[in-house]
Protein backbone atom coordinates (compact mmCIF):
# COMPACT_ATOMS: atom_id res chain seq x y z
CA MET A 1 -2.11 31.06 195.84
CA LEU A 2 0.17 29.27 193.37
CA THR A 3 -2.85 27.83 191.55
CA ARG A 4 -4.36 31.29 191.13
CA HIS A 5 -1.06 32.63 189.79
CA LEU A 6 -0.79 29.78 187.27
CA LEU A 7 -4.39 30.37 186.20
CA ARG A 8 -3.67 34.07 185.57
CA ILE A 9 -0.58 33.20 183.52
CA SER A 10 -2.58 30.65 181.52
CA LEU A 11 -5.38 33.15 180.85
CA ALA A 12 -2.89 35.82 179.83
CA THR A 13 -1.21 33.37 177.44
CA VAL A 14 -4.55 32.43 175.87
CA ALA A 15 -5.47 36.11 175.49
CA LEU A 16 -2.17 36.87 173.77
CA CYS A 17 -2.64 33.94 171.40
CA LEU A 18 -6.14 35.13 170.50
CA LEU A 19 -4.92 38.68 169.86
CA SER A 20 -2.13 37.38 167.66
CA SER A 21 -4.63 35.32 165.69
CA LEU A 22 -6.83 38.38 165.17
CA ASP A 23 -3.87 40.35 163.83
CA GLU A 24 -3.13 37.57 161.35
CA VAL A 25 -6.76 37.51 160.20
CA ARG A 26 -6.80 41.28 159.74
CA ALA A 27 -3.51 41.17 157.81
CA ASP A 28 -5.04 38.79 155.28
CA THR A 29 -7.96 40.90 154.05
CA VAL A 30 -6.62 40.51 150.49
CA LYS A 31 -7.03 37.13 148.82
CA TRP A 32 -3.62 37.07 147.13
CA ARG A 33 -3.02 34.77 144.20
CA SER A 34 0.44 33.40 143.49
CA ASN A 35 0.26 32.40 139.82
CA VAL A 36 0.30 35.21 137.24
CA ASP A 37 -0.99 33.08 134.35
CA ALA A 38 -3.90 31.74 136.41
CA ALA A 39 -4.66 35.31 137.50
CA LYS A 40 -4.84 36.44 133.86
CA ILE A 41 -7.32 33.65 133.11
CA GLU A 42 -9.38 34.62 136.15
CA ALA A 43 -9.24 38.28 135.05
CA ILE A 44 -10.59 37.36 131.59
CA GLN A 45 -13.40 35.30 133.14
CA THR A 46 -14.38 38.04 135.62
CA ASN A 47 -13.62 41.12 133.46
CA LYS A 48 -11.14 42.46 136.02
CA LEU A 49 -7.62 43.82 135.91
CA VAL A 50 -4.61 41.97 137.30
CA LEU A 51 -2.68 43.68 140.10
CA LEU A 52 0.89 42.46 140.47
CA HIS A 53 2.27 43.43 143.86
CA ASN A 54 6.05 43.12 143.47
CA ARG A 55 7.69 42.87 146.85
CA SER A 56 10.50 41.34 148.82
CA PRO A 57 10.13 39.65 152.21
CA THR A 58 12.97 41.75 153.63
CA CYS A 59 11.68 45.11 152.30
CA GLY A 60 10.67 47.53 155.06
CA PRO A 61 8.18 49.55 152.95
CA CYS A 62 6.65 46.24 151.75
CA LYS A 63 6.04 45.23 155.35
CA GLN A 64 4.49 48.65 156.03
CA LEU A 65 2.09 48.12 153.12
CA ASP A 66 1.13 44.72 154.48
CA SER A 67 0.40 46.05 157.97
CA GLY A 68 -0.94 49.53 157.17
CA VAL A 69 -2.66 49.23 153.79
CA TYR A 70 -3.42 45.64 152.80
CA SER A 71 -4.72 44.91 156.30
CA GLN A 72 -7.51 47.45 155.81
CA PRO A 73 -10.86 45.83 154.94
CA GLN A 74 -11.73 48.55 152.41
CA ILE A 75 -8.54 47.80 150.45
CA GLY A 76 -9.35 44.09 150.39
CA GLN A 77 -12.87 44.86 149.16
CA LEU A 78 -11.61 47.26 146.50
CA LEU A 79 -9.04 44.79 145.23
CA GLU A 80 -11.55 41.95 145.08
CA GLN A 81 -14.11 44.12 143.28
CA TYR A 82 -11.89 45.36 140.44
CA PHE A 83 -8.70 43.29 140.45
CA VAL A 84 -7.22 39.83 140.60
CA PRO A 85 -4.37 40.54 143.06
CA VAL A 86 -1.11 38.60 142.75
CA LYS A 87 1.71 38.81 145.26
CA VAL A 88 5.06 38.46 143.48
CA ASN A 89 8.30 37.86 145.36
CA ALA A 90 10.77 39.89 143.28
CA ASN A 91 13.67 37.82 144.65
CA ILE A 92 12.14 34.61 143.28
CA SER A 93 10.78 36.10 140.02
CA PRO A 94 13.47 38.50 138.76
CA ALA A 95 12.63 37.77 135.10
CA LEU A 96 9.04 38.94 135.60
CA SER A 97 10.22 42.08 137.38
CA GLY A 98 12.74 42.72 134.61
CA SER A 99 10.17 42.27 131.86
CA LEU A 100 8.00 44.91 133.53
CA ASN A 101 10.96 47.29 134.08
CA ILE A 102 10.60 47.12 137.85
CA ASP A 103 13.79 48.28 139.49
CA ARG A 104 12.64 48.61 143.11
CA VAL A 105 10.12 47.20 145.53
CA PRO A 106 7.42 47.70 146.39
CA THR A 107 6.04 48.40 142.94
CA ASP A 108 2.56 47.46 141.84
CA VAL A 109 1.73 46.96 138.19
CA VAL A 110 -1.80 46.85 136.86
CA LEU A 111 -2.24 44.61 133.82
CA SER A 112 -5.08 44.02 131.45
CA PRO A 113 -6.20 40.37 131.32
CA GLN A 114 -4.17 40.11 128.10
CA GLY A 115 -1.02 41.18 129.98
CA ASN A 116 -0.72 44.79 128.79
CA VAL A 117 0.50 47.32 131.36
CA VAL A 118 -2.34 49.66 132.33
CA ALA A 119 -0.55 51.48 135.17
CA LYS A 120 2.32 51.38 137.63
CA LEU A 121 1.53 52.35 141.19
CA SER A 122 3.94 54.03 143.55
CA CYS A 123 2.47 52.10 146.52
CA PRO A 124 1.54 54.93 148.92
CA ALA A 125 1.82 53.93 152.56
CA THR A 126 -1.75 55.01 153.39
CA ALA A 127 -4.96 53.19 152.56
CA SER A 128 -6.57 56.34 151.13
CA GLY A 129 -3.60 57.14 148.87
CA TYR A 130 -3.40 53.55 147.71
CA SER A 131 -7.13 53.26 147.00
CA THR A 132 -7.01 56.51 144.99
CA GLN A 133 -4.34 55.02 142.73
CA LEU A 134 -6.29 51.77 142.35
CA LEU A 135 -9.45 53.60 141.34
CA ARG A 136 -7.56 55.76 138.82
CA SER A 137 -6.18 52.66 137.11
CA GLU A 138 -9.68 51.13 136.95
CA GLU A 139 -11.04 54.40 135.48
CA ARG A 140 -8.33 54.32 132.79
CA ARG A 141 -9.41 50.84 131.82
CA VAL A 142 -13.07 51.75 131.38
CA GLY A 143 -12.26 55.15 129.85
CA LYS A 144 -13.88 57.38 132.47
């Protein structure tokens, strides 16, 4: 009886670990870069825009974006198709945020590969609202 109980607890623990791992995999559908200069070089080489996602680890809306928007596969695909996405910790890089006139997080800034601001996004909390803003910024770049 005790052996069966321990087996059930062990199986439940393994199941919880697997589910947690799946959540982590889903949350990382975006291949975030961490270096803005390297992202600009990559953007030039691939003819893409740079997306700077300015956030703070303690920001509630930033966490909502991570779990509700960036975890969506279609957002990851869209970002990888048109952008070189860079996650910027505004607490660590205040000079960058200041140079882009960012006064709150989350704020996303779309840059040309040369570093010119193409658009600022309001970071909607839904995948559809966010993807609409991304596509508009890409259309501005190509003049559609």
